[in-house]
Amino acid sequence: MRFNALGHRICTKIYPYTSLHEWHNVLKSARHHKPYSIKTLQHRDFFDLKPLANKLLTNCHKLCDGSTLNWLSIRALCVEKAHPDKVFFKTDFSETEFTVLLQNHQKSRVQYKLTRAYKCELSISAAKHKDLMSMISDKVIPENYRQFYDSLPVCPQTKDYVPDKRGDDGDFEADD
């Protein structure tokens, strides 16, 4: 399980890193024997898979044994090119075998064009930008990162999301 080395390395040490670029080295060095290969992604590298899933996933709930699948219980998901009519999943990391969710194999042979998830870089809120700039002024973030943080796109209409405020459905709530 890849998270073990990475998660342990990050969670057991306090890293005073203030730039995304510094995290690249932390992630890369989480495993000493064979360091992770890290590829930095841009906004144009992400695709909207929801329309594709709506077209390809013909069966989202019924398992072969007749039971119903609870998607919130899935812990590992696997789709293989060799088996386009099957979705493999695990509901527990300790399971040795994947459970199969059969799909209508005729639909899976059709070609689809993926669309990009973002047309431009995601912006941060004006309040978050102001906080970052004040952290630079207060020397919490080193001055040499000012250009990076100052170049982030800012939009007054962008809402901040606070990770520790979960709603009843488990989704994050917007900070007002």
Protein backbone atom coordinates (compact mmCIF):
# COMPACT_ATOMS: atom_id res chain seq x y z
CA MET A 1 0.00 0.00 0.00
CA ARG A 2 1.75 3.16 -1.20
CA PHE A 3 0.34 5.49 1.42
CA ASN A 4 2.17 3.74 4.27
CA ALA A 5 5.66 5.11 3.57
CA LEU A 6 4.42 8.44 2.33
CA GLY A 7 1.87 8.98 5.08
CA HIS A 8 4.27 7.88 7.79
CA ARG A 9 7.00 10.19 6.52
CA ILE A 10 4.70 13.20 6.36
CA CYS A 11 2.68 12.53 9.54
CA THR A 12 5.61 11.80 11.85
CA LYS A 13 7.63 14.91 11.05
CA ILE A 14 6.74 18.55 11.24
CA TYR A 15 7.72 20.22 7.98
CA PRO A 16 7.90 24.01 7.99
CA TYR A 17 7.45 24.16 4.23
CA THR A 18 5.73 27.18 2.86
CA SER A 19 5.76 26.51 -0.87
CA LEU A 20 4.30 23.82 -3.07
CA HIS A 21 7.74 23.38 -4.63
CA GLU A 22 9.24 22.28 -1.31
CA TRP A 23 6.65 19.53 -0.88
CA HIS A 24 7.89 17.98 -4.09
CA ASN A 25 11.08 16.92 -2.28
CA VAL A 26 9.23 15.72 0.81
CA LEU A 27 7.02 13.44 -1.26
CA LYS A 28 9.91 12.23 -3.38
CA SER A 29 12.06 11.34 -0.35
CA ALA A 30 9.30 9.53 1.57
CA ARG A 31 10.78 6.24 0.40
CA HIS A 32 14.58 5.83 0.54
CA HIS A 33 15.06 2.59 -1.40
CA LYS A 34 13.18 3.55 -4.57
CA PRO A 35 12.21 7.25 -4.31
CA TYR A 36 8.79 8.12 -5.63
CA SER A 37 8.67 9.64 -9.08
CA ILE A 38 6.76 12.91 -8.75
CA LYS A 39 5.08 14.69 -11.64
CA THR A 40 3.78 18.17 -10.99
CA LEU A 41 0.39 18.60 -12.66
CA GLN A 42 -1.11 21.76 -14.06
CA HIS A 43 -4.83 22.66 -14.19
CA ARG A 44 -4.95 21.48 -17.83
CA ASP A 45 -3.87 17.94 -16.78
CA PHE A 46 -7.22 17.19 -15.08
CA PHE A 47 -10.22 15.86 -16.98
CA ASP A 48 -13.91 15.83 -16.12
CA LEU A 49 -14.73 12.12 -15.82
CA LYS A 50 -18.34 12.52 -14.68
CA PRO A 51 -19.90 12.55 -18.20
CA LEU A 52 -17.77 9.55 -19.13
CA ALA A 53 -18.84 7.66 -16.01
CA ASN A 54 -22.50 8.48 -16.70
CA LYS A 55 -22.17 6.94 -20.17
CA LEU A 56 -20.02 3.95 -19.29
CA LEU A 57 -21.29 2.89 -15.87
CA THR A 58 -24.52 1.16 -16.73
CA ASN A 59 -24.70 -0.69 -13.42
CA CYS A 60 -23.72 1.27 -10.33
CA HIS A 61 -25.50 -0.68 -7.61
CA LYS A 62 -26.26 -4.37 -8.27
CA LEU A 63 -23.55 -6.94 -7.55
CA CYS A 64 -23.39 -10.39 -9.12
CA ASP A 65 -24.82 -11.98 -5.96
CA GLY A 66 -27.84 -9.63 -6.03
CA SER A 67 -26.72 -7.44 -3.14
CA THR A 68 -26.57 -3.65 -3.39
CA LEU A 69 -23.29 -1.73 -3.52
CA ASN A 70 -22.74 1.16 -1.12
CA TRP A 71 -20.23 3.44 -2.89
CA LEU A 72 -19.28 5.13 0.39
CA SER A 73 -17.84 1.82 1.61
CA ILE A 74 -15.42 1.45 -1.34
CA ARG A 75 -11.77 1.76 -0.31
CA ALA A 76 -10.01 0.69 -3.54
CA LEU A 77 -11.21 0.92 -7.12
CA CYS A 78 -9.65 -0.67 -10.19
CA VAL A 79 -10.56 -0.49 -13.87
CA GLU A 80 -8.56 -2.55 -16.33
CA LYS A 81 -8.26 -2.04 -20.07
CA ALA A 82 -8.36 -5.83 -20.53
CA HIS A 83 -11.79 -5.98 -18.79
CA PRO A 84 -13.80 -2.95 -19.99
CA ASP A 85 -17.06 -4.52 -18.84
CA LYS A 86 -15.97 -4.85 -15.20
CA VAL A 87 -15.27 -2.49 -12.32
CA PHE A 88 -13.19 -4.05 -9.55
CA PHE A 89 -13.39 -2.76 -5.99
CA LYS A 90 -12.56 -3.50 -2.37
CA THR A 91 -14.45 -2.34 0.68
CA ASP A 92 -11.52 -3.13 2.97
CA PHE A 93 -7.80 -2.72 2.28
CA SER A 94 -7.11 -6.09 3.90
CA GLU A 95 -9.23 -7.95 1.33
CA THR A 96 -7.05 -10.07 -0.95
CA GLU A 97 -9.47 -10.24 -3.90
CA PHE A 98 -11.42 -7.53 -5.67
CA THR A 99 -15.21 -7.74 -5.93
CA VAL A 100 -16.58 -7.33 -9.46
CA LEU A 101 -19.30 -4.94 -10.59
CA LEU A 102 -20.39 -6.04 -14.09
CA GLN A 103 -21.19 -3.41 -16.75
CA ASN A 104 -22.98 -3.53 -20.08
CA HIS A 105 -20.00 -4.43 -22.26
CA GLN A 106 -21.49 -3.03 -25.49
CA LYS A 107 -21.39 0.56 -24.26
CA SER A 108 -17.79 0.27 -23.07
CA ARG A 109 -16.49 -0.23 -26.63
CA VAL A 110 -17.59 3.25 -27.77
CA GLN A 111 -14.95 6.00 -28.08
CA TYR A 112 -15.45 9.16 -25.99
CA LYS A 113 -13.69 12.51 -26.02
CA LEU A 114 -12.61 13.75 -22.60
CA THR A 115 -13.07 17.40 -21.69
CA ARG A 116 -10.79 19.31 -19.36
CA ALA A 117 -12.05 19.77 -15.81
CA TYR A 118 -10.80 23.37 -15.59
CA LYS A 119 -10.60 26.00 -18.32
CA CYS A 120 -8.20 28.11 -16.25
CA GLU A 121 -6.34 27.96 -12.96
CA LEU A 122 -8.54 27.83 -9.87
CA SER A 123 -8.55 31.07 -7.96
CA ILE A 124 -8.23 31.68 -4.24
CA SER A 125 -10.42 34.07 -2.29
CA ALA A 126 -9.39 37.65 -1.64
CA ALA A 127 -9.40 36.90 2.10
CA LYS A 128 -7.02 33.95 1.67
CA HIS A 129 -4.71 36.04 -0.52
CA LYS A 130 -4.72 38.81 2.10
CA ASP A 131 -3.87 36.26 4.83
CA LEU A 132 -0.98 34.86 2.75
CA MET A 133 0.41 38.33 2.11
CA SER A 134 0.19 39.19 5.82
CA MET A 135 2.03 35.94 6.63
CA ILE A 136 4.81 37.09 4.31
CA SER A 137 4.86 40.53 5.98
CA ASP A 138 4.98 38.86 9.42
CA LYS A 139 7.86 36.63 8.21
CA VAL A 140 5.87 33.41 8.74
CA ILE A 141 6.36 32.72 5.03
CA PRO A 142 9.82 33.68 3.73
CA GLU A 143 9.97 36.79 1.56
CA ASN A 144 11.45 34.91 -1.40
CA TYR A 145 8.03 33.21 -1.91
CA ARG A 146 6.19 36.52 -2.31
CA GLN A 147 6.23 36.28 -6.11
CA PHE A 148 4.71 32.77 -6.04
CA TYR A 149 1.88 33.72 -3.66
CA ASP A 150 1.32 37.08 -5.32
CA SER A 151 0.93 35.38 -8.72
CA LEU A 152 -1.93 33.14 -7.54
CA PRO A 153 -5.22 34.03 -9.26
CA VAL A 154 -7.56 35.89 -6.88
CA CYS A 155 -11.31 36.20 -7.22
CA PRO A 156 -13.52 38.05 -4.69
CA GLN A 157 -16.42 35.64 -5.41
CA THR A 158 -14.35 32.53 -4.54
CA LYS A 159 -15.46 30.95 -1.26
CA ASP A 160 -13.06 29.32 1.16
CA TYR A 161 -13.69 25.76 2.29
CA VAL A 162 -12.56 24.71 5.74
CA PRO A 163 -11.70 20.96 5.88
CA ASP A 164 -12.70 20.41 9.50
CA LYS A 165 -16.30 21.66 9.02
CA ARG A 166 -18.14 18.61 7.69
CA GLY A 167 -21.84 18.61 7.01
CA ASP A 168 -24.20 15.73 7.73
CA ASP A 169 -23.48 14.20 4.31
CA GLY A 170 -19.70 14.26 4.87
CA ASP A 171 -19.12 17.06 2.35
CA PHE A 172 -17.24 20.19 3.28
CA GLU A 173 -19.23 23.29 4.01
CA ALA A 174 -18.36 26.72 2.70
CA ASP A 175 -16.92 29.24 5.13
CA ASP A 176 -19.17 32.33 5.29
